[in-house]
N, C-alpha and C. Protein backbone atom coordinates (compact mmCIF):
# COMPACT_ATOMS: atom_id res chain seq x y z
N MET A 1 119.31 97.86 243.20
CA MET A 1 118.54 98.72 244.59
C MET A 1 119.85 98.98 245.29
N ASN A 2 119.86 100.41 245.73
CA ASN A 2 120.81 101.08 246.51
C ASN A 2 119.98 100.90 247.92
N VAL A 3 120.89 100.51 248.81
CA VAL A 3 120.36 100.41 250.53
C VAL A 3 121.50 101.48 251.43
N ARG A 4 121.15 102.61 251.59
CA ARG A 4 121.32 103.67 252.55
C ARG A 4 121.51 103.67 254.12
N GLY A 5 122.06 103.57 254.96
CA GLY A 5 122.00 103.56 256.33
C GLY A 5 123.30 104.86 256.85
N PHE A 6 122.21 105.63 257.62
CA PHE A 6 123.10 106.62 258.16
C PHE A 6 123.13 106.36 259.92
N ASN A 7 123.94 107.25 260.39
CA ASN A 7 123.98 107.24 261.66
C ASN A 7 124.06 109.07 262.30
N LEU A 8 122.43 109.26 262.94
CA LEU A 8 122.57 110.57 263.34
C LEU A 8 123.49 111.27 264.48
N ALA A 9 124.13 110.33 264.98
CA ALA A 9 124.94 110.81 265.98
C ALA A 9 126.68 111.62 265.45
N ASN A 10 127.05 110.79 264.44
CA ASN A 10 128.43 111.48 263.99
C ASN A 10 128.08 111.66 262.27
N ASN A 11 127.07 111.58 261.91
CA ASN A 11 126.72 111.99 260.36
C ASN A 11 127.28 110.85 259.35
N HIS A 12 127.52 109.77 259.78
CA HIS A 12 127.99 109.09 258.58
C HIS A 12 126.87 108.26 257.98
N THR A 13 127.59 107.98 256.80
CA THR A 13 126.42 107.42 256.28
C THR A 13 127.33 106.13 255.35
N VAL A 14 126.48 105.28 255.34
CA VAL A 14 127.02 104.07 253.98
C VAL A 14 126.37 103.55 253.08
N SER A 15 126.53 102.98 251.82
CA SER A 15 126.09 102.37 250.88
C SER A 15 126.40 101.78 250.22
N ALA A 16 125.40 100.67 249.64
CA ALA A 16 125.96 99.33 249.51
C ALA A 16 124.64 99.06 248.32
N ASN A 17 125.15 98.34 247.16
CA ASN A 17 124.46 97.75 246.09
C ASN A 17 123.55 96.56 246.48
N ALA A 18 121.99 95.93 246.66
CA ALA A 18 121.71 94.96 247.13
C ALA A 18 121.17 94.46 245.82
N SER A 19 120.67 93.24 245.53
CA SER A 19 119.66 92.42 244.67
C SER A 19 118.77 91.89 245.20
N VAL A 20 117.60 91.71 245.02
CA VAL A 20 116.53 91.36 245.53
C VAL A 20 116.00 89.99 244.52
N LEU A 21 116.38 88.43 245.31
CA LEU A 21 115.88 87.72 244.51
C LEU A 21 114.89 86.75 244.95
N GLU A 22 113.96 86.42 243.98
CA GLU A 22 113.13 85.71 243.85
C GLU A 22 113.00 84.19 244.54
N TRP A 23 112.35 83.62 245.53
CA TRP A 23 112.48 82.57 246.30
C TRP A 23 111.92 81.57 245.10
N PRO A 24 112.46 80.23 244.88
CA PRO A 24 112.41 79.74 244.04
C PRO A 24 110.89 78.53 244.77
N CYS A 25 110.24 78.65 243.64
CA CYS A 25 109.32 77.63 244.14
C CYS A 25 108.72 76.72 242.96
N GLN A 26 109.03 75.68 243.20
CA GLN A 26 108.26 74.44 242.27
C GLN A 26 107.12 73.36 243.25
N SER A 27 106.12 73.92 242.14
CA SER A 27 105.05 72.10 242.32
C SER A 27 105.59 70.84 242.96
N PRO A 28 105.08 70.68 243.99
CA PRO A 28 105.09 68.83 244.80
C PRO A 28 105.23 68.24 243.30
N ASN A 29 106.62 67.39 243.37
CA ASN A 29 106.11 66.43 242.07
C ASN A 29 106.04 65.06 243.31
N VAL A 30 105.21 64.46 242.70
CA VAL A 30 104.47 63.23 243.27
C VAL A 30 104.57 61.96 241.93
N THR A 31 105.67 60.86 242.80
CA THR A 31 105.65 60.03 241.74
C THR A 31 104.83 58.61 242.36
N VAL A 32 104.35 58.06 241.71
CA VAL A 32 103.50 57.10 242.01
C VAL A 32 104.29 55.89 241.09
N HIS A 33 103.72 54.24 241.65
CA HIS A 33 104.80 53.23 240.89
C HIS A 33 103.76 53.20 239.68
N ALA A 34 105.11 53.14 238.45
CA ALA A 34 104.47 53.79 237.28
C ALA A 34 103.91 52.68 237.05
N ALA A 35 103.47 51.30 237.38
CA ALA A 35 102.51 50.02 236.73
C ALA A 35 101.09 51.23 236.98
N VAL A 36 101.14 51.85 237.82
CA VAL A 36 99.48 51.91 238.12
C VAL A 36 99.26 53.53 237.92
N ILE A 37 100.20 54.09 237.32
CA ILE A 37 100.24 55.82 236.68
C ILE A 37 99.80 56.07 235.57
N SER A 38 99.81 54.88 234.66
CA SER A 38 99.27 54.86 233.44
C SER A 38 97.98 54.95 232.78
N PRO A 39 97.29 56.08 232.36
CA PRO A 39 96.13 56.32 232.17
C PRO A 39 95.52 55.16 231.05
N THR A 40 96.30 54.80 230.46
CA THR A 40 95.45 53.54 229.70
C THR A 40 95.72 52.03 230.39
N SER A 41 96.35 52.08 231.77
CA SER A 41 95.79 51.22 232.36
C SER A 41 95.93 51.31 233.46
N THR A 42 95.35 50.16 234.04
CA THR A 42 94.66 50.03 236.07
C THR A 42 94.81 48.93 236.37
N LEU A 43 95.33 49.33 237.78
CA LEU A 43 95.98 48.11 238.38
C LEU A 43 95.25 47.37 238.33
N MET A 44 95.11 45.93 238.66
CA MET A 44 94.14 44.50 238.51
C MET A 44 94.59 44.06 239.90
N VAL A 45 93.46 44.14 240.93
CA VAL A 45 93.94 43.35 242.35
C VAL A 45 92.61 42.35 242.55
N GLY A 46 93.15 40.98 243.10
CA GLY A 46 91.88 40.57 243.92
C GLY A 46 91.50 40.67 244.43
N ASN A 47 89.97 40.62 244.78
CA ASN A 47 89.51 41.73 246.27
C ASN A 47 90.20 40.63 247.47
N LYS A 48 90.50 39.46 247.12
CA LYS A 48 91.50 38.48 248.50
C LYS A 48 92.58 39.08 248.62
N ASP A 49 92.88 40.19 247.94
CA ASP A 49 94.70 40.47 248.22
C ASP A 49 94.55 41.84 248.94
N GLY A 50 93.69 42.43 248.85
CA GLY A 50 94.34 44.19 248.85
C GLY A 50 95.01 44.66 248.09
N PHE A 51 95.49 46.01 248.31
CA PHE A 51 95.94 46.20 247.42
C PHE A 51 97.21 47.53 248.61
N ILE A 52 98.23 48.11 247.98
CA ILE A 52 98.96 48.93 248.41
C ILE A 52 99.59 50.28 247.81
N ALA A 53 99.01 51.39 247.55
CA ALA A 53 99.73 52.47 245.97
C ALA A 53 100.65 53.32 247.60
N ASP A 54 102.18 53.02 246.60
CA ASP A 54 102.82 54.29 247.38
C ASP A 54 103.13 55.28 246.43
N ALA A 55 103.48 56.62 246.99
CA ALA A 55 103.77 57.27 246.37
C ALA A 55 104.93 58.29 247.23
N LYS A 56 105.67 58.80 246.52
CA LYS A 56 107.24 59.70 246.88
C LYS A 56 107.00 60.68 246.85
N PHE A 57 106.86 62.39 247.72
CA PHE A 57 106.97 63.37 247.15
C PHE A 57 108.28 64.57 247.05
N ALA A 58 108.18 65.16 246.73
CA ALA A 58 109.47 65.84 246.74
C ALA A 58 108.97 67.37 246.31
N VAL A 59 110.05 68.31 247.33
CA VAL A 59 109.12 69.99 247.43
C VAL A 59 110.74 70.45 247.23
N ASP A 60 110.50 71.54 245.73
CA ASP A 60 111.30 72.11 245.99
C ASP A 60 110.83 73.66 246.09
N CYS A 61 110.51 74.28 246.83
CA CYS A 61 110.02 75.56 247.28
C CYS A 61 110.00 76.12 248.43
N MET A 62 111.18 77.05 248.64
CA MET A 62 112.02 77.66 249.85
C MET A 62 110.81 78.23 250.47
N LYS A 63 109.78 78.66 249.96
CA LYS A 63 108.56 79.63 250.34
C LYS A 63 107.42 78.62 251.14
N SER A 64 107.43 77.39 251.20
CA SER A 64 106.69 76.21 251.56
C SER A 64 107.03 76.47 253.21
N GLU A 65 106.15 76.24 254.22
CA GLU A 65 106.42 75.81 255.22
C GLU A 65 105.84 74.30 255.80
N ARG A 66 105.00 73.62 254.69
CA ARG A 66 104.23 72.36 255.24
C ARG A 66 103.53 71.73 253.64
N LEU A 67 103.77 70.70 253.50
CA LEU A 67 103.92 70.02 252.63
C LEU A 67 102.04 68.87 253.14
N THR A 68 101.20 68.95 252.03
CA THR A 68 99.97 67.95 252.52
C THR A 68 99.88 67.14 251.95
N ALA A 69 99.74 65.88 251.83
CA ALA A 69 99.26 64.87 251.04
C ALA A 69 97.72 64.31 251.47
N ARG A 70 96.73 64.60 250.87
CA ARG A 70 95.65 63.82 250.87
C ARG A 70 95.03 62.65 249.54
N TRP A 71 95.27 61.44 250.20
CA TRP A 71 94.35 60.27 249.47
C TRP A 71 92.83 60.13 249.46
N ASP A 72 92.44 59.98 248.93
CA ASP A 72 90.57 59.75 248.37
C ASP A 72 90.68 58.33 247.47
N LEU A 73 90.02 57.79 247.92
CA LEU A 73 89.50 56.66 247.33
C LEU A 73 88.04 56.66 246.92
N LEU A 74 87.84 56.57 245.74
CA LEU A 74 85.95 57.18 245.14
C LEU A 74 85.96 55.75 244.86
N ASP A 75 84.45 55.42 244.49
CA ASP A 75 84.08 54.02 243.93
C ASP A 75 83.50 55.12 242.69
N SER A 76 82.90 53.94 241.79
CA SER A 76 82.29 54.08 240.29
C SER A 76 81.46 55.34 240.19
N ASN A 77 80.79 55.62 241.69
CA ASN A 77 79.99 57.17 241.51
C ASN A 77 80.66 58.08 241.43
N GLN A 78 81.86 57.79 241.90
CA GLN A 78 82.78 59.55 242.45
C GLN A 78 81.62 59.39 243.80
N THR A 79 81.80 58.90 244.27
CA THR A 79 81.40 58.60 245.96
C THR A 79 82.92 58.94 246.66
N VAL A 80 83.30 59.54 247.73
CA VAL A 80 84.86 59.35 248.45
C VAL A 80 84.25 58.22 249.35
N LEU A 81 84.91 56.75 249.17
CA LEU A 81 84.83 55.98 251.09
C LEU A 81 85.72 56.31 252.13
N ARG A 82 86.94 56.60 251.47
CA ARG A 82 88.28 56.53 252.43
C ARG A 82 88.77 57.67 252.04
N THR A 83 89.38 58.72 252.73
CA THR A 83 90.38 59.91 252.93
C THR A 83 91.18 59.47 254.30
N LEU A 84 92.47 59.67 253.23
CA LEU A 84 93.56 59.74 254.50
C LEU A 84 94.77 60.99 254.21
N PRO A 85 94.19 61.37 255.33
CA PRO A 85 95.27 62.56 254.98
C PRO A 85 97.17 62.40 255.54
N ASN A 86 97.91 63.30 254.66
CA ASN A 86 99.35 63.11 255.37
C ASN A 86 99.84 61.77 255.45
N ALA A 87 99.69 61.17 254.12
CA ALA A 87 100.35 59.93 254.15
C ALA A 87 101.34 59.35 252.89
N THR A 88 102.27 58.22 252.95
CA THR A 88 102.99 58.04 251.81
C THR A 88 101.96 56.83 251.07
N GLN A 89 101.31 56.61 251.70
CA GLN A 89 100.73 55.13 251.04
C GLN A 89 99.43 55.12 251.43
N LEU A 90 98.90 54.53 250.64
CA LEU A 90 97.24 53.73 251.07
C LEU A 90 97.26 52.58 250.82
N ILE A 91 96.77 51.79 252.09
CA ILE A 91 96.46 50.50 251.84
C ILE A 91 95.21 50.01 252.19
N SER A 92 94.67 49.42 251.37
CA SER A 92 93.53 48.80 251.55
C SER A 92 93.39 47.25 251.81
N GLU A 93 92.88 46.86 252.52
CA GLU A 93 93.06 45.88 253.44
C GLU A 93 92.52 44.63 252.37
N PRO A 94 92.56 42.96 252.62
CA PRO A 94 91.98 41.98 251.89
C PRO A 94 90.33 42.67 251.86
N TYR A 95 89.64 42.00 251.19
CA TYR A 95 88.02 42.67 251.36
C TYR A 95 87.56 43.62 251.92
N ALA A 96 88.23 44.18 251.74
CA ALA A 96 88.02 45.91 252.44
C ALA A 96 86.67 46.25 251.53
N VAL A 97 87.32 46.66 250.50
CA VAL A 97 86.33 47.41 249.19
C VAL A 97 85.54 46.20 248.13
N PRO A 98 84.51 46.52 247.94
CA PRO A 98 83.53 45.05 247.13
C PRO A 98 83.83 45.00 245.80
N PRO A 99 84.40 44.18 245.14
CA PRO A 99 84.96 43.93 243.29
C PRO A 99 84.62 45.84 242.61
N GLY A 100 84.95 45.88 241.59
CA GLY A 100 84.69 46.92 241.20
C GLY A 100 85.63 48.04 240.66
N LEU A 101 85.25 48.82 240.27
CA LEU A 101 86.56 49.76 239.49
C LEU A 101 86.73 51.18 240.26
N TYR A 102 87.70 51.38 241.12
CA TYR A 102 87.79 52.36 241.86
C TYR A 102 89.22 53.80 241.59
N GLU A 103 88.65 55.03 242.17
CA GLU A 103 89.74 55.78 241.39
C GLU A 103 90.18 56.57 242.74
N VAL A 104 91.88 56.84 242.98
CA VAL A 104 92.83 57.03 244.11
C VAL A 104 93.05 58.29 243.38
N THR A 105 93.01 59.06 244.31
CA THR A 105 93.39 60.50 244.28
C THR A 105 94.38 60.75 244.97
N ILE A 106 95.31 61.38 244.77
CA ILE A 106 96.15 62.00 245.65
C ILE A 106 96.33 63.60 245.18
N THR A 107 96.17 64.29 246.15
CA THR A 107 96.14 65.76 246.65
C THR A 107 97.55 66.32 247.19
N ALA A 108 98.38 66.78 246.79
CA ALA A 108 99.92 67.23 247.46
C ALA A 108 99.68 68.90 246.99
N SER A 109 99.60 69.71 248.31
CA SER A 109 99.24 70.72 248.54
C SER A 109 100.88 71.69 249.58
N LEU A 110 100.98 72.43 248.85
CA LEU A 110 102.20 73.37 249.70
C LEU A 110 101.42 74.18 250.84
N TRP A 111 102.08 74.83 251.65
CA TRP A 111 101.22 75.78 252.21
C TRP A 111 102.34 76.50 252.65
N SER A 112 102.12 78.02 252.99
CA SER A 112 103.05 78.90 253.61
C SER A 112 101.77 79.95 254.50
N SER A 113 102.37 80.52 255.83
CA SER A 113 101.76 81.56 256.02
C SER A 113 101.94 82.64 255.77
N TYR A 114 102.90 83.03 254.94
CA TYR A 114 102.70 84.28 254.34
C TYR A 114 102.58 84.58 253.04
N PHE A 115 103.09 83.51 252.17
CA PHE A 115 102.92 83.15 250.83
C PHE A 115 101.37 82.68 250.07
N ASP A 116 100.73 83.08 249.14
CA ASP A 116 99.81 82.17 248.61
C ASP A 116 100.10 81.25 247.48
N LEU A 117 100.03 79.99 248.04
CA LEU A 117 100.44 79.04 247.10
C LEU A 117 99.63 77.83 246.60
N SER A 118 98.51 78.57 246.43
CA SER A 118 97.20 77.61 246.55
C SER A 118 97.30 77.20 244.81
N HIS A 119 98.26 77.91 243.95
CA HIS A 119 98.14 77.57 242.56
C HIS A 119 99.70 76.14 242.86
N LYS A 120 100.08 76.39 243.80
CA LYS A 120 100.88 74.81 243.86
C LYS A 120 100.93 73.37 243.96
N THR A 121 99.42 73.66 244.11
CA THR A 121 98.55 72.14 244.36
C THR A 121 98.62 70.57 243.39
N VAL A 122 99.12 70.20 243.03
CA VAL A 122 99.23 69.03 242.16
C VAL A 122 98.23 67.77 242.58
N VAL A 123 97.35 67.06 241.42
CA VAL A 123 96.70 65.83 241.59
C VAL A 123 96.80 65.06 240.66
N VAL A 124 97.30 63.58 241.33
CA VAL A 124 97.85 62.59 240.26
C VAL A 124 96.19 61.64 240.78
N VAL A 125 95.71 60.92 239.67
CA VAL A 125 94.63 60.21 240.00
C VAL A 125 95.41 58.87 239.37
N PHE A 126 94.88 57.90 239.76
CA PHE A 126 94.62 55.98 239.02
C PHE A 126 93.84 55.52 239.35
N CYS A 127 93.69 54.25 238.62
CA CYS A 127 92.38 53.33 238.51
C CYS A 127 93.01 52.37 239.52
N VAL A 128 92.48 51.82 240.60
CA VAL A 128 92.56 50.29 240.38
C VAL A 128 90.65 49.52 240.03
N ASN A 129 91.45 48.16 239.84
CA ASN A 129 90.23 47.44 239.26
C ASN A 129 90.10 46.26 240.05
N VAL A 130 89.24 45.81 241.14
CA VAL A 130 89.06 45.00 241.85
C VAL A 130 88.33 44.19 241.73
N PHE A 131 88.94 42.57 241.28
CA PHE A 131 87.73 41.80 240.79
C PHE A 131 87.86 40.25 241.91
N VAL A 132 86.94 39.50 241.21
CA VAL A 132 86.97 38.45 242.30
C VAL A 132 87.58 37.11 241.72
N GLN A 133 88.59 36.86 242.46
CA GLN A 133 88.92 35.59 242.09
C GLN A 133 88.54 34.27 242.19
N GLN A 134 88.05 33.70 241.23
CA GLN A 134 87.79 32.58 241.27
C GLN A 134 88.77 31.67 241.81
N PRO A 135 88.08 29.86 242.74
CA PRO A 135 89.27 29.61 243.01
C PRO A 135 89.14 28.23 242.17
N LEU A 136 90.36 28.06 241.71
CA LEU A 136 91.03 26.81 240.87
C LEU A 136 90.74 27.42 239.36
N ALA A 137 90.80 28.46 239.08
CA ALA A 137 91.11 29.23 237.83
C ALA A 137 91.95 30.28 237.93
N PRO A 138 92.40 30.06 236.87
CA PRO A 138 93.55 31.45 236.66
C PRO A 138 93.57 32.34 236.15
N VAL A 139 94.22 33.05 236.72
CA VAL A 139 93.67 34.54 236.16
C VAL A 139 94.90 34.91 234.72
N VAL A 140 93.93 35.43 233.86
CA VAL A 140 94.68 35.38 232.59
C VAL A 140 94.71 36.65 232.71
N GLY A 141 96.16 37.30 231.57
CA GLY A 141 96.10 38.80 231.80
C GLY A 141 95.25 39.22 230.52
N PHE A 142 94.46 40.91 230.59
CA PHE A 142 93.60 40.50 230.04
C PHE A 142 93.30 42.59 230.21
N ARG A 143 92.76 43.21 229.03
CA ARG A 143 92.61 44.88 229.18
C ARG A 143 91.60 44.72 229.66
N LEU A 144 91.73 46.10 230.32
CA LEU A 144 90.37 46.05 231.33
C LEU A 144 89.65 47.43 229.52
N LEU A 145 88.65 47.59 229.62
CA LEU A 145 88.08 48.22 229.05
C LEU A 145 87.40 49.47 229.04
N THR A 146 87.03 49.79 230.48
CA THR A 146 86.51 50.75 231.03
C THR A 146 87.81 51.61 231.77
N TYR A 147 87.24 52.72 231.83
CA TYR A 147 88.72 53.78 232.62
C TYR A 147 88.10 54.55 233.65
N CYS A 148 88.58 54.86 234.24
CA CYS A 148 88.05 55.70 235.52
C CYS A 148 87.58 57.33 235.33
N HIS A 149 86.88 57.48 236.10
CA HIS A 149 85.76 58.37 235.78
C HIS A 149 86.41 60.08 235.26
N SER A 150 87.41 60.52 235.63
CA SER A 150 87.90 61.52 235.55
C SER A 150 89.11 61.17 234.29
N LEU A 151 89.39 59.78 233.96
CA LEU A 151 90.40 60.09 232.88
C LEU A 151 90.01 60.54 231.75
């Protein structure tokens, strides 16, 4: 691209070549603890223990002005039990949810007042199985045969 500038007062002209570069913009990178992100495994927690899910968000987008991270906790009927906006972790206190299979959805979105970044949204889903721990009965490892609805 050629840029030309001039001054009407004394008729001087200056020209220069310029390159217009596209600003880099990658979708957000969401990293969740590896033990809970596998689609073939489920986070197993006793209802007396509660659980904490952590995520790290990395943004490589010069067009973005804001990152939003929404957490949704859904039951087996896909009913949203809890929504947590703009957080890096979801904490479920002991006995906060009854035993059952739950889905945790993290939606990371980029926003700009000038650019449309709607195609840069990332959704991460993992499952949590909350079970009742019987007193004096040891918990033996087992594989869960049911999976989250969306997996």
